[in-house]
Amino acid sequence: MFDLIIKNGEIVDGTGNPKYRGDVAVKDGKIAEVGKVSGSAARTLDAEGAIVTPGFVDIHTHYDGQVSWDSVLAPSSTNGVTSTAMGNCGVGFAPARADKHDWLINLLEGVEDIPGTALAEGLTWDWETFPDYLDAIARRNYTMDIGAHMPHAALRSYVMGDRGADHTAVPSADEIARMSALTFEALEAGALGFSTTRTTFHRSKDGQNIGTLTASEAELHGITAALKKAGKGVIQMISDAYLTNDDDFASTELRLIRGLAQSTGRKLSFTVQQNDDAPDRWRFIFNEIEAMRADGLDVSAQVAPRPIGAILTFASTSNPFVATPTYRRIAKQTDGRIEERLAALRDPEVKAQILAEHAHVNLTGNGGVLTKGYTRMFRLTDPVDYEPSAENSLQAEADRAGRDVADYVYDVMLEEGGRRLVYLPINNYFYGNLNDVHGMMTGAHTLYGLSDGGAHCGTICDGSFPTSTIALWSRGNKAGRAMSIESLVHGYTQRNAHHVGWRDRGAVKPGLKADLNIIDLGRLSLSPPEIVADLPAGGTRLLQAPRGYRNTIKAGTVTFENGVWTGETPGSLLRGAQG
């Protein structure tokens, strides 16, 4: 007898091959039979009218702190993810000496917008070294399986002390050798690979550039020599190459990426998005990646299925008036007390003062878009429209009402008791549509990533990327550009799994891990995010409920039914490559 049979579904098996109607039988946590299944099972699920896919594999998350206190690991788990990689972008909580705990919390609060109070209360710190950290994770169970990278920023601090936080500080040869040895140790203990960041956007809470920003070739090649020595592991990184209009800088960064892939012989992936300052840079980068692949280097771009969008609200982290002195003062005085903050912001005199100060705010780049990009600010609809048109922007609303736009937007932010959510697509939306995103998604050497699940708790709600990938692009954007359901599922299952070395999952095939989704594709959509106070110390985050997932199954155990957690936690730590 089987443990579980899924009957009458359209199987999209994760390989990219055409879908077909059939059944799936599960035994002892693995897929036993696919197609025409004979026999009975302890439980049968009817997938009539739904597709059956492998569980999604999200290779870009930041649950490094959340794993200390949370078994569910939403929002990724609620969006069909059954395996995930964390420790991306060079940040994490191990290795960590006791005197660096507060510094790491400050760093993650700044880089990934995770409330420091929640981290301070929730982190168990039952580790020091990276192998210790993996052991701590292994003592717990989750709704999904978890792998982790060795993060460069934490490693640098562990070896270099306070100097490690200064990106202008150059490590000695002995310090580089020590970082390489610790990375080798981490790989032997089960690290997925090594991650680093080279973007000015990554700063600590106090505004300090991250210590890895300008790490030299000698440092990076020295550390990643551990991957070649170990014969395993991947490199994950983010660079400012995609956002610069400086051709020489972009070329220098891409030469570094080429060199790392060449010297290690390992797979490497890095972030590629569309930025307003260089909206066509991604095409140049894709051409360079193709040249690297032609030379036998396994280099991929991690791309997103929709805009990287900020959620603006007075009740959380970001809003258009966040740069004014009066707003900053009120936010600081009412930290953790949202109702008091909202009451103060309703005061007409406070509003007048903030608007007067806001008139003199003149930020550039993304700061300018955040504070005065009214043509790209939209009320969140239900279901969420991730390709909104300019005529529906708050600027257009204010124009139609004959109102000063800043005054109008302030009043909009006070709607719904001060909890009105406004959507601001930042990256991937320069031309006001998703045509270029389609171009990135269909690139020959792309990986679907960048969801940042577990991070950006008060500003971005992109842990729902897997749902957007399937729902949006299987139907097509407003210009009619679409992708086949088979290619989309492949991108979020087998392709991602194989990239990090997980060959025991990612396809609906006998012998593989029974990680599965049953999805009503016609209903698949996303509701607007909600502000939820469920973090330690009463911390808040944005969560977004998907519609259309009938069941998510991890290792043969149903973990979610119609979006509701069943209480099961069959997931655990994954040490390195699998299968």
Protein backbone atom coordinates (compact mmCIF):
# COMPACT_ATOMS: atom_id res chain seq x y z
CA MET A 1 0.00 0.00 0.00
CA PHE A 2 1.18 3.50 -0.83
CA ASP A 3 1.21 6.30 1.71
CA LEU A 4 -0.40 8.76 -0.70
CA ILE A 5 -1.91 8.78 -4.17
CA ILE A 6 -2.64 11.95 -6.14
CA LYS A 7 -5.19 11.14 -8.84
CA ASN A 8 -6.50 12.76 -12.02
CA GLY A 9 -4.06 15.67 -12.23
CA GLU A 10 -2.28 17.31 -15.15
CA ILE A 11 1.32 16.47 -14.32
CA VAL A 12 3.83 19.22 -15.10
CA ASP A 13 6.82 17.16 -14.14
CA GLY A 14 9.51 19.83 -13.79
CA THR A 15 11.73 18.63 -16.61
CA GLY A 16 10.26 20.97 -19.21
CA ASN A 17 8.61 18.10 -21.05
CA PRO A 18 4.93 18.41 -22.10
CA LYS A 19 2.37 18.02 -19.34
CA TYR A 20 0.20 14.90 -19.26
CA ARG A 21 -2.71 13.51 -17.30
CA GLY A 22 -1.86 10.92 -14.69
CA ASP A 23 -1.56 9.86 -11.08
CA VAL A 24 1.33 10.02 -8.60
CA ALA A 25 1.96 7.46 -5.87
CA VAL A 26 4.14 8.17 -2.84
CA LYS A 27 5.82 5.76 -0.46
CA ASP A 28 8.28 6.47 2.38
CA GLY A 29 8.76 10.09 1.39
CA LYS A 30 9.61 9.35 -2.24
CA ILE A 31 7.72 9.20 -5.49
CA ALA A 32 7.01 5.53 -6.16
CA GLU A 33 4.97 5.51 -9.38
CA VAL A 34 3.86 8.10 -11.94
CA GLY A 35 1.27 7.82 -14.68
CA LYS A 36 -1.10 4.91 -14.34
CA VAL A 37 -0.96 3.89 -10.67
CA SER A 38 -2.35 0.63 -9.40
CA GLY A 39 -3.15 -0.17 -5.83
CA SER A 40 -4.47 1.80 -2.88
CA ALA A 41 -3.09 4.30 -0.40
CA ALA A 42 -3.61 5.46 3.16
CA ARG A 43 -4.71 8.79 1.70
CA THR A 44 -5.88 9.85 -1.75
CA LEU A 45 -6.01 13.42 -3.07
CA ASP A 46 -8.13 14.24 -6.10
CA ALA A 47 -6.30 16.68 -8.40
CA GLU A 48 -9.08 16.89 -11.00
CA GLY A 49 -8.90 20.30 -12.68
CA ALA A 50 -5.48 21.05 -11.19
CA ILE A 51 -1.84 20.72 -12.15
CA VAL A 52 0.60 18.62 -10.15
CA THR A 53 4.13 20.02 -9.98
CA PRO A 54 7.29 19.36 -8.03
CA GLY A 55 7.66 21.50 -4.92
CA PHE A 56 9.29 24.79 -5.78
CA VAL A 57 12.98 25.36 -5.09
CA ASP A 58 13.83 28.91 -4.05
CA ILE A 59 17.58 29.50 -4.17
CA HIS A 60 17.58 33.09 -2.88
CA THR A 61 16.19 33.62 0.63
CA HIS A 62 17.26 35.08 3.97
CA TYR A 63 15.77 32.86 6.67
CA ASP A 64 19.14 32.76 8.50
CA GLY A 65 17.62 34.30 11.63
CA GLN A 66 14.06 33.07 11.31
CA VAL A 67 15.14 29.43 11.42
CA SER A 68 15.94 29.99 15.11
CA TRP A 69 12.34 30.53 16.13
CA ASP A 70 10.02 29.57 13.28
CA SER A 71 9.19 26.19 11.79
CA VAL A 72 6.74 27.39 9.14
CA LEU A 73 9.07 29.78 7.30
CA ALA A 74 6.39 31.80 5.58
CA PRO A 75 6.06 33.38 3.10
CA SER A 76 8.08 30.88 1.03
CA SER A 77 6.36 27.77 2.39
CA THR A 78 2.89 29.22 1.75
CA ASN A 79 3.89 29.86 -1.87
CA GLY A 80 4.63 26.26 -2.75
CA VAL A 81 8.33 26.20 -1.81
CA THR A 82 9.58 22.93 -0.37
CA SER A 83 13.36 23.50 -0.56
CA THR A 84 15.25 26.74 -0.08
CA ALA A 85 18.75 28.17 0.05
CA MET A 86 19.60 30.96 2.51
CA GLY A 87 22.75 32.86 3.43
CA ASN A 88 22.67 34.76 0.16
CA CYS A 89 24.22 38.17 -0.58
CA GLY A 90 27.12 37.58 1.79
CA VAL A 91 25.06 38.08 4.95
CA GLY A 92 24.11 35.69 7.71
CA PHE A 93 24.72 34.86 11.36
CA ALA A 94 27.65 32.47 11.21
CA PRO A 95 30.46 32.29 11.88
CA ALA A 96 29.94 34.64 14.83
CA ARG A 97 31.92 35.38 17.95
CA ALA A 98 29.83 36.41 20.95
CA ASP A 99 31.08 39.99 20.82
CA LYS A 100 29.81 40.32 17.23
CA HIS A 101 26.19 39.29 17.81
CA ASP A 102 24.89 42.85 18.05
CA TRP A 103 26.95 43.92 15.04
CA LEU A 104 25.50 41.14 12.90
CA ILE A 105 21.97 42.02 13.99
CA ASN A 106 22.64 45.65 13.05
CA LEU A 107 23.99 44.54 9.69
CA LEU A 108 21.02 42.31 8.83
CA GLU A 109 18.55 44.94 10.02
CA GLY A 110 20.10 47.40 7.58
CA VAL A 111 20.78 45.13 4.62
CA GLU A 112 17.67 42.97 4.76
CA ASP A 113 15.18 45.09 6.78
CA ILE A 114 14.66 42.44 9.46
CA PRO A 115 13.62 44.07 12.77
CA GLY A 116 16.59 44.12 15.11
CA THR A 117 14.37 43.65 18.16
CA ALA A 118 12.97 40.45 16.64
CA LEU A 119 16.45 39.14 15.90
CA ALA A 120 17.73 40.07 19.36
CA GLU A 121 14.93 38.13 21.01
CA GLY A 122 14.56 35.29 18.52
CA LEU A 123 18.14 34.28 17.72
CA THR A 124 19.26 31.39 19.90
CA TRP A 125 23.00 31.82 19.19
CA ASP A 126 23.67 28.17 20.00
CA TRP A 127 26.63 28.28 17.60
CA GLU A 128 29.89 30.04 16.87
CA THR A 129 31.42 28.42 13.80
CA PHE A 130 29.57 27.72 10.57
CA PRO A 131 29.52 23.96 11.24
CA ASP A 132 28.02 24.79 14.66
CA TYR A 133 25.33 26.81 12.90
CA LEU A 134 24.44 23.92 10.61
CA ASP A 135 24.25 21.64 13.63
CA ALA A 136 21.83 24.09 15.29
CA ILE A 137 19.59 24.05 12.23
CA ALA A 138 19.79 20.26 12.09
CA ARG A 139 18.31 20.08 15.59
CA ARG A 140 15.08 21.66 14.35
CA ASN A 141 12.36 20.73 11.88
CA TYR A 142 10.57 22.88 9.33
CA THR A 143 7.88 22.83 6.66
CA MET A 144 10.61 22.75 4.02
CA ASP A 145 14.23 21.69 3.58
CA ILE A 146 16.93 24.32 4.06
CA GLY A 147 20.46 24.76 2.77
CA ALA A 148 22.86 27.57 3.65
CA HIS A 149 25.78 29.43 2.09
CA MET A 150 28.87 30.63 3.93
CA PRO A 151 28.31 34.43 4.02
CA HIS A 152 31.30 36.64 3.27
CA ALA A 153 30.40 39.54 5.61
CA ALA A 154 30.10 37.33 8.68
CA LEU A 155 33.25 35.42 7.72
CA ARG A 156 35.22 38.64 7.27
CA SER A 157 34.17 39.93 10.68
CA TYR A 158 34.98 36.60 12.32
CA VAL A 159 38.53 36.61 10.98
CA MET A 160 39.35 40.34 10.82
CA GLY A 161 37.43 41.63 13.83
CA ASP A 162 36.29 45.23 13.62
CA ARG A 163 38.36 45.74 10.46
CA GLY A 164 36.12 43.26 8.68
CA ALA A 165 33.26 45.75 8.69
CA ASP A 166 35.37 48.33 6.83
CA HIS A 167 35.37 47.74 3.10
CA THR A 168 38.57 49.77 2.72
CA ALA A 169 40.44 47.45 5.11
CA VAL A 170 42.64 44.96 3.26
CA PRO A 171 43.05 41.53 4.84
CA SER A 172 46.53 40.15 5.23
CA ALA A 173 47.63 37.02 3.40
CA ASP A 174 47.22 35.08 6.65
CA GLU A 175 43.68 36.42 7.09
CA ILE A 176 42.74 35.44 3.54
CA ALA A 177 44.16 31.97 4.13
CA ARG A 178 42.14 31.73 7.36
CA MET A 179 38.91 32.74 5.57
CA SER A 180 39.61 30.16 2.88
CA ALA A 181 40.23 27.45 5.47
CA LEU A 182 36.97 28.28 7.27
CA THR A 183 35.09 28.19 3.96
CA PHE A 184 36.57 24.76 3.22
CA GLU A 185 35.51 23.64 6.70
CA ALA A 186 31.99 24.96 6.04
CA LEU A 187 31.77 23.12 2.71
CA GLU A 188 32.89 19.88 4.33
CA ALA A 189 30.21 20.38 6.99
CA GLY A 190 27.50 20.92 4.36
CA ALA A 191 27.51 24.55 3.19
CA LEU A 192 25.97 24.96 -0.26
CA GLY A 193 28.65 27.41 -1.27
CA PHE A 194 30.00 30.91 -0.68
CA SER A 195 28.08 34.16 -1.07
CA THR A 196 29.21 37.78 -1.28
CA THR A 197 27.88 41.24 -2.03
CA ARG A 198 29.37 44.16 -3.91
CA THR A 199 26.50 46.65 -3.94
CA THR A 200 26.27 50.07 -2.32
CA PHE A 201 22.63 49.32 -1.51
CA HIS A 202 23.73 46.89 1.20
CA ARG A 203 24.44 48.92 4.34
CA SER A 204 24.16 48.36 8.06
CA LYS A 205 21.37 50.02 10.02
CA ASP A 206 23.65 52.96 10.78
CA GLY A 207 24.34 53.50 7.08
CA GLN A 208 27.79 51.97 6.89
CA ASN A 209 28.74 50.27 3.62
CA ILE A 210 29.04 46.52 3.95
CA GLY A 211 32.59 45.30 4.50
CA THR A 212 32.64 43.14 1.37
CA LEU A 213 31.76 46.01 -1.00
CA THR A 214 35.20 46.46 -2.56
CA ALA A 215 36.85 43.17 -1.63
CA SER A 216 39.89 42.69 -3.84
CA GLU A 217 40.41 39.98 -6.40
CA ALA A 218 43.11 38.57 -4.15
CA GLU A 219 40.64 38.25 -1.27
CA LEU A 220 37.87 36.72 -3.37
CA HIS A 221 40.11 34.36 -5.27
CA GLY A 222 41.84 33.37 -2.05
CA ILE A 223 38.58 32.52 -0.27
CA THR A 224 36.92 30.76 -3.19
CA ALA A 225 39.99 28.59 -3.73
CA ALA A 226 38.31 26.52 -1.01
CA LEU A 227 35.57 25.52 -3.45
CA LYS A 228 38.12 24.23 -5.95
CA LYS A 229 39.96 22.38 -3.20
CA ALA A 230 36.73 20.82 -1.92
CA GLY A 231 35.47 20.07 -5.42
CA LYS A 232 32.00 21.28 -4.46
CA GLY A 233 29.87 24.30 -3.75
CA VAL A 234 28.53 27.23 -5.75
CA ILE A 235 29.23 30.96 -5.70
CA GLN A 236 26.35 33.41 -5.27
CA MET A 237 26.85 37.15 -5.46
CA ILE A 238 25.37 40.54 -6.16
CA SER A 239 27.31 43.29 -7.92
CA ASP A 240 26.46 46.84 -8.96
CA ALA A 241 27.23 45.87 -12.55
CA TYR A 242 23.53 45.84 -13.43
CA LEU A 243 22.78 49.33 -12.15
CA THR A 244 25.72 51.35 -13.43
CA ASN A 245 25.89 53.48 -16.57
CA ASP A 246 29.70 53.31 -16.34
CA ASP A 247 30.76 50.84 -19.02
CA ASP A 248 34.25 50.43 -17.60
CA PHE A 249 32.97 49.63 -14.11
CA ALA A 250 30.46 47.10 -15.45
CA SER A 251 33.15 45.43 -17.54
CA THR A 252 35.54 45.27 -14.58
CA GLU A 253 32.92 43.60 -12.40
CA LEU A 254 32.08 41.09 -15.12
CA ARG A 255 35.77 40.28 -15.57
CA LEU A 256 35.89 39.53 -11.84
CA ILE A 257 32.87 37.24 -12.17
CA ARG A 258 34.47 35.49 -15.13
CA GLY A 259 37.71 35.07 -13.19
CA LEU A 260 36.01 33.54 -10.16
CA ALA A 261 34.12 31.02 -12.28
CA GLN A 262 37.30 30.21 -14.19
CA SER A 263 39.63 29.82 -11.20
CA THR A 264 37.23 27.66 -9.17
CA GLY A 265 35.55 25.66 -11.90
CA ARG A 266 32.34 25.97 -9.92
CA LYS A 267 28.88 27.26 -10.78
CA LEU A 268 28.32 30.97 -10.18
CA SER A 269 25.12 33.01 -10.21
CA PHE A 270 24.63 36.73 -9.69
CA THR A 271 21.79 39.23 -9.55
CA VAL A 272 20.63 40.94 -12.74
CA GLN A 273 17.81 43.49 -12.68
CA GLN A 274 16.76 46.57 -14.62
CA ASN A 275 17.71 49.80 -12.89
CA ASP A 276 16.52 53.30 -13.86
CA ASP A 277 20.08 54.59 -14.20
CA ALA A 278 21.02 51.91 -16.74
CA PRO A 279 17.77 50.38 -18.03
CA ASP A 280 19.41 48.40 -20.83
CA ARG A 281 22.51 47.25 -18.97
CA TRP A 282 20.95 43.83 -18.46
CA ARG A 283 21.25 43.15 -22.20
CA PHE A 284 24.99 43.86 -22.12
CA ILE A 285 25.35 41.56 -19.11
CA PHE A 286 23.41 38.77 -20.81
CA ASN A 287 25.72 39.00 -23.81
CA GLU A 288 28.72 38.71 -21.51
CA ILE A 289 27.20 35.68 -19.78
CA GLU A 290 26.69 34.02 -23.15
CA ALA A 291 30.37 34.59 -23.90
CA MET A 292 31.34 33.05 -20.56
CA ARG A 293 29.14 30.04 -21.21
CA ALA A 294 30.66 29.68 -24.67
CA ASP A 295 34.03 29.42 -22.94
CA GLY A 296 32.76 26.58 -20.76
CA LEU A 297 32.04 28.60 -17.61
CA ASP A 298 28.84 27.75 -15.70
CA VAL A 299 27.65 31.32 -15.00
CA SER A 300 23.99 32.27 -14.64
CA ALA A 301 21.93 35.39 -14.01
CA GLN A 302 19.45 35.31 -11.14
CA VAL A 303 16.36 37.22 -12.29
CA ALA A 304 12.98 38.18 -10.88
CA PRO A 305 9.53 37.48 -12.42
CA ARG A 306 8.11 40.93 -11.70
CA PRO A 307 9.26 44.38 -10.48
CA ILE A 308 11.19 44.60 -7.24
CA GLY A 309 8.49 46.61 -5.53
CA ALA A 310 8.38 48.54 -2.29
CA ILE A 311 5.21 48.48 -0.21
CA LEU A 312 4.66 52.00 1.13
CA THR A 313 2.62 52.58 4.27
CA PHE A 314 2.68 54.73 7.39
CA ALA A 315 2.29 51.51 9.41
CA SER A 316 5.62 49.97 8.43
CA THR A 317 9.11 50.90 7.21
CA SER A 318 8.80 52.97 4.03
CA ASN A 319 6.63 55.79 2.74
CA PRO A 320 7.17 58.89 0.56
CA PHE A 321 7.71 61.13 3.61
CA VAL A 322 10.29 58.99 5.35
CA ALA A 323 13.13 61.47 4.59
CA THR A 324 11.55 64.43 6.42
CA PRO A 325 12.90 65.36 9.88
CA THR A 326 9.44 65.47 11.45
CA TYR A 327 8.46 62.03 10.20
CA ARG A 328 11.79 60.56 11.32
CA ARG A 329 11.34 62.08 14.79
CA ILE A 330 7.82 60.67 15.15
CA ALA A 331 8.88 57.24 13.86
CA LYS A 332 11.73 57.10 16.36
CA GLN A 333 9.57 58.26 19.28
CA THR A 334 6.87 55.70 18.49
CA ASP A 335 9.11 52.78 17.53
CA GLY A 336 7.05 49.61 17.93
CA ARG A 337 3.89 51.57 18.76
CA ILE A 338 2.14 51.93 15.42
CA GLU A 339 -1.14 53.34 16.71
CA GLU A 340 0.70 56.20 18.41
CA ARG A 341 2.59 56.92 15.21
CA LEU A 342 -0.60 56.97 13.14
CA ALA A 343 -2.36 59.22 15.64
CA ALA A 344 0.48 61.73 15.44
CA LEU A 345 0.47 61.68 11.63
CA ARG A 346 -3.27 62.48 11.55
CA ASP A 347 -2.62 65.81 13.31
CA PRO A 348 -3.17 68.60 10.70
CA GLU A 349 -0.26 70.59 12.06
CA VAL A 350 2.04 67.59 11.79
CA LYS A 351 0.86 67.00 8.23
CA ALA A 352 1.54 70.62 7.31
CA GLN A 353 5.05 70.46 8.79
CA ILE A 354 5.90 67.20 7.01
CA LEU A 355 4.63 68.53 3.67
CA ALA A 356 6.64 71.74 4.10
CA GLU A 357 9.79 69.72 4.76
CA HIS A 358 9.01 67.26 1.98
CA ALA A 359 8.97 70.10 -0.55
CA HIS A 360 12.72 70.47 0.05
CA VAL A 361 13.55 66.74 -0.19
CA ASN A 362 15.60 66.24 -3.34
CA LEU A 363 17.01 62.72 -3.37
CA THR A 364 18.38 61.00 -6.47
CA GLY A 365 18.21 57.42 -7.73
CA ASN A 366 15.93 55.05 -5.88
CA GLY A 367 15.64 57.57 -3.05
CA GLY A 368 14.07 60.01 -5.45
CA VAL A 369 11.65 57.38 -6.73
CA LEU A 370 10.70 56.45 -3.15
CA THR A 371 9.99 60.02 -2.05
CA LYS A 372 8.62 61.65 -5.20
CA GLY A 373 8.06 58.98 -7.84
CA TYR A 374 4.32 59.56 -7.82
CA THR A 375 3.82 58.31 -11.39
CA ARG A 376 5.01 54.90 -10.13
CA MET A 377 2.93 54.76 -6.96
CA PHE A 378 -0.26 52.71 -7.15
CA ARG A 379 -2.98 51.56 -4.77
CA LEU A 380 -2.70 47.82 -4.28
CA THR A 381 -5.57 45.97 -5.96
CA ASP A 382 -7.01 42.57 -5.14
CA PRO A 383 -5.68 40.48 -6.78
CA VAL A 384 -2.48 42.49 -7.05
CA ASP A 385 -1.71 43.93 -10.48
CA TYR A 386 2.06 43.78 -10.92
CA GLU A 387 1.95 45.61 -14.26
CA PRO A 388 -0.02 48.76 -13.35
CA SER A 389 -0.55 51.55 -15.87
CA ALA A 390 0.48 55.17 -15.38
CA GLU A 391 -3.14 56.37 -15.67
CA ASN A 392 -3.83 54.52 -12.40
CA SER A 393 -0.94 56.10 -10.51
CA LEU A 394 -1.39 58.41 -7.53
CA GLN A 395 -0.03 61.23 -9.69
CA ALA A 396 -2.85 60.64 -12.18
CA GLU A 397 -5.42 60.45 -9.36
CA ALA A 398 -4.18 63.76 -7.91
CA ASP A 399 -4.26 65.41 -11.34
CA ARG A 400 -7.83 64.29 -11.92
CA ALA A 401 -8.81 65.62 -8.48
CA GLY A 402 -7.02 68.93 -9.08
CA ARG A 403 -4.94 68.37 -5.91
CA ASP A 404 -1.31 69.01 -5.03
CA VAL A 405 0.16 65.55 -5.43
CA ALA A 406 2.16 65.42 -2.16
CA ASP A 407 -0.87 66.59 -0.17
CA TYR A 408 -3.04 64.05 -1.97
CA VAL A 409 -0.61 61.19 -1.38
CA TYR A 410 -0.38 62.01 2.33
CA ASP A 411 -4.17 61.69 2.59
CA VAL A 412 -4.09 58.41 0.68
CA MET A 413 -1.53 57.06 3.16
CA LEU A 414 -3.95 57.89 6.01
CA GLU A 415 -6.74 55.79 4.47
CA GLU A 416 -7.78 52.52 6.10
CA GLY A 417 -6.81 53.83 9.51
CA GLY A 418 -3.33 54.72 8.30
CA ARG A 419 -2.72 51.23 6.95
CA ARG A 420 -3.28 51.92 3.27
CA LEU A 421 -0.69 50.03 1.20
CA VAL A 422 0.78 51.64 -1.90
CA TYR A 423 2.81 49.70 -4.45
CA LEU A 424 6.00 51.24 -5.88
CA PRO A 425 7.75 49.18 -8.56
CA ILE A 426 11.40 50.19 -8.29
CA ASN A 427 13.62 47.89 -10.35
CA ASN A 428 12.45 46.09 -13.49
CA TYR A 429 9.89 48.79 -14.40
CA PHE A 430 11.70 51.62 -16.16
CA TYR A 431 9.49 51.45 -19.27
CA GLY A 432 6.27 50.98 -17.32
CA ASN A 433 5.69 47.38 -18.40
CA LEU A 434 7.07 43.87 -17.94
CA ASN A 435 8.38 43.32 -21.45
CA ASP A 436 12.01 43.49 -20.35
CA VAL A 437 11.26 41.17 -17.43
CA HIS A 438 9.98 38.68 -20.01
CA GLY A 439 13.27 39.11 -21.85
CA MET A 440 15.20 38.28 -18.69
CA MET A 441 12.93 35.38 -17.76
CA THR A 442 13.41 33.77 -21.16
CA GLY A 443 17.19 34.22 -21.23
CA ALA A 444 19.12 31.09 -22.09
CA HIS A 445 21.11 31.05 -18.87
CA THR A 446 18.85 32.46 -16.17
CA LEU A 447 17.79 31.20 -12.78
CA TYR A 448 14.55 32.25 -11.11
CA GLY A 449 15.50 33.82 -7.80
CA LEU A 450 15.74 37.08 -5.82
CA SER A 451 12.60 36.47 -3.75
CA ASP A 452 14.48 37.39 -0.55
CA GLY A 453 12.01 35.33 1.48
CA GLY A 454 12.47 36.10 5.17
CA ALA A 455 13.90 39.58 4.50
CA HIS A 456 12.67 43.11 3.82
CA CYS A 457 9.94 42.51 6.36
CA GLY A 458 8.50 46.03 6.29
CA THR A 459 9.23 47.16 2.74
CA ILE A 460 9.14 44.37 0.17
CA CYS A 461 6.92 41.30 -0.04
CA ASP A 462 8.56 39.23 -2.76
CA GLY A 463 8.61 35.82 -1.10
CA SER A 464 5.58 35.24 -3.32
CA PHE A 465 7.77 35.24 -6.46
CA PRO A 466 7.11 31.53 -7.20
CA THR A 467 3.38 32.24 -7.39
CA SER A 468 3.92 35.26 -9.64
CA THR A 469 6.17 33.24 -11.90
CA ILE A 470 3.53 30.60 -12.53
CA ALA A 471 0.38 32.74 -12.45
CA LEU A 472 1.56 35.81 -14.35
CA TRP A 473 3.69 34.32 -17.08
CA SER A 474 1.54 31.26 -17.85
CA ARG A 475 -1.19 33.77 -18.84
CA GLY A 476 1.05 36.49 -20.19
CA ASN A 477 1.64 40.13 -19.45
CA LYS A 478 -0.45 42.97 -20.84
CA ALA A 479 1.50 42.92 -24.08
CA GLY A 480 0.64 39.24 -24.51
CA ARG A 481 4.10 37.88 -23.85
CA ALA A 482 3.83 34.53 -22.09
CA MET A 483 5.76 31.37 -21.32
CA SER A 484 4.67 27.75 -21.30
CA ILE A 485 3.65 26.27 -17.98
CA GLU A 486 6.21 23.51 -18.55
CA SER A 487 9.13 25.95 -18.87
CA LEU A 488 8.00 28.02 -15.87
CA VAL A 489 7.70 25.01 -13.58
CA HIS A 490 11.05 23.70 -14.82
CA GLY A 491 12.65 27.03 -13.93
CA TYR A 492 11.40 26.96 -10.36
CA THR A 493 12.03 23.25 -9.78
CA GLN A 494 14.57 21.07 -11.56
CA ARG A 495 16.71 23.91 -12.94
CA ASN A 496 17.14 25.61 -9.57
CA ALA A 497 17.57 22.32 -7.73
CA HIS A 498 20.31 21.12 -10.05
CA HIS A 499 22.13 24.46 -9.86
CA VAL A 500 22.78 24.02 -6.12
CA GLY A 501 23.43 20.29 -6.47
CA TRP A 502 20.09 18.92 -5.34
CA ARG A 503 19.49 16.11 -7.83
CA ASP A 504 17.18 14.13 -5.58
CA ARG A 505 14.26 16.54 -6.17
CA GLY A 506 12.80 18.97 -8.68
CA ALA A 507 10.93 16.51 -10.91
CA VAL A 508 7.92 14.22 -10.67
CA LYS A 509 9.88 11.05 -11.28
CA PRO A 510 10.01 7.71 -9.43
CA GLY A 511 12.76 7.60 -6.83
CA LEU A 512 12.91 11.35 -6.26
CA LYS A 513 11.82 13.21 -3.15
CA ALA A 514 8.02 13.43 -2.92
CA ASP A 515 7.92 17.24 -2.81
CA LEU A 516 4.77 18.24 -4.70
CA ASN A 517 2.21 20.97 -5.28
CA ILE A 518 -1.39 20.58 -6.39
CA ILE A 519 -2.40 23.89 -7.94
CA ASP A 520 -5.67 25.19 -9.34
CA LEU A 521 -3.97 27.20 -12.08
CA GLY A 522 -7.13 29.09 -13.00
CA ARG A 523 -7.41 30.47 -9.46
CA LEU A 524 -3.73 31.08 -8.83
CA SER A 525 -3.27 34.70 -7.74
CA LEU A 526 -1.98 36.89 -4.94
CA SER A 527 -3.97 38.98 -2.50
CA PRO A 528 -2.49 42.27 -1.24
CA PRO A 529 0.10 41.96 1.53
CA GLU A 530 -0.97 42.36 5.14
CA ILE A 531 0.94 43.79 8.08
CA VAL A 532 1.24 40.98 10.63
CA ALA A 533 2.75 41.30 14.11
CA ASP A 534 4.04 37.76 14.55
CA LEU A 535 7.78 38.24 14.92
CA PRO A 536 9.58 37.96 18.27
CA ALA A 537 9.31 41.08 20.47
CA GLY A 538 6.08 41.99 18.67
CA GLY A 539 7.88 42.77 15.41
CA THR A 540 5.82 43.24 12.26
CA ARG A 541 6.25 42.00 8.72
CA LEU A 542 4.40 41.94 5.45
CA LEU A 543 2.80 38.63 4.51
CA GLN A 544 0.88 37.84 1.35
CA ALA A 545 -1.62 35.02 0.96
CA PRO A 546 -1.76 33.20 -2.38
CA ARG A 547 -4.90 31.63 -3.78
CA GLY A 548 -5.02 28.43 -5.79
CA TYR A 549 -2.75 26.06 -3.87
CA ARG A 550 -4.84 23.04 -2.96
CA ASN A 551 -1.99 21.13 -1.31
CA THR A 552 1.72 21.39 -0.75
CA ILE A 553 3.44 18.11 0.08
CA LYS A 554 6.92 17.79 1.59
CA ALA A 555 8.58 14.36 1.54
CA GLY A 556 5.18 12.73 1.17
CA THR A 557 3.57 14.67 4.03
CA VAL A 558 0.88 17.27 3.38
CA THR A 559 2.13 20.52 4.92
CA PHE A 560 -0.50 22.95 3.55
CA GLU A 561 -4.14 22.46 2.61
CA ASN A 562 -5.84 25.35 0.82
CA GLY A 563 -3.20 27.69 2.17
CA VAL A 564 -3.50 26.55 5.79
CA TRP A 565 -0.58 24.91 7.58
CA THR A 566 -1.39 21.38 8.73
CA GLY A 567 1.04 21.51 11.64
CA GLU A 568 3.46 19.09 9.97
CA THR A 569 7.20 19.84 9.79
CA PRO A 570 8.89 17.13 7.70
CA GLY A 571 11.63 19.47 6.44
CA SER A 572 15.18 19.65 7.75
CA LEU A 573 18.70 20.84 7.02
CA LEU A 574 20.24 19.87 3.71
CA ARG A 575 23.98 19.47 3.92
CA GLY A 576 25.44 20.33 0.53
CA ALA A 577 24.61 18.48 -2.66
CA GLN A 578 21.97 15.75 -2.60
CA GLY A 579 21.42 12.74 -4.81
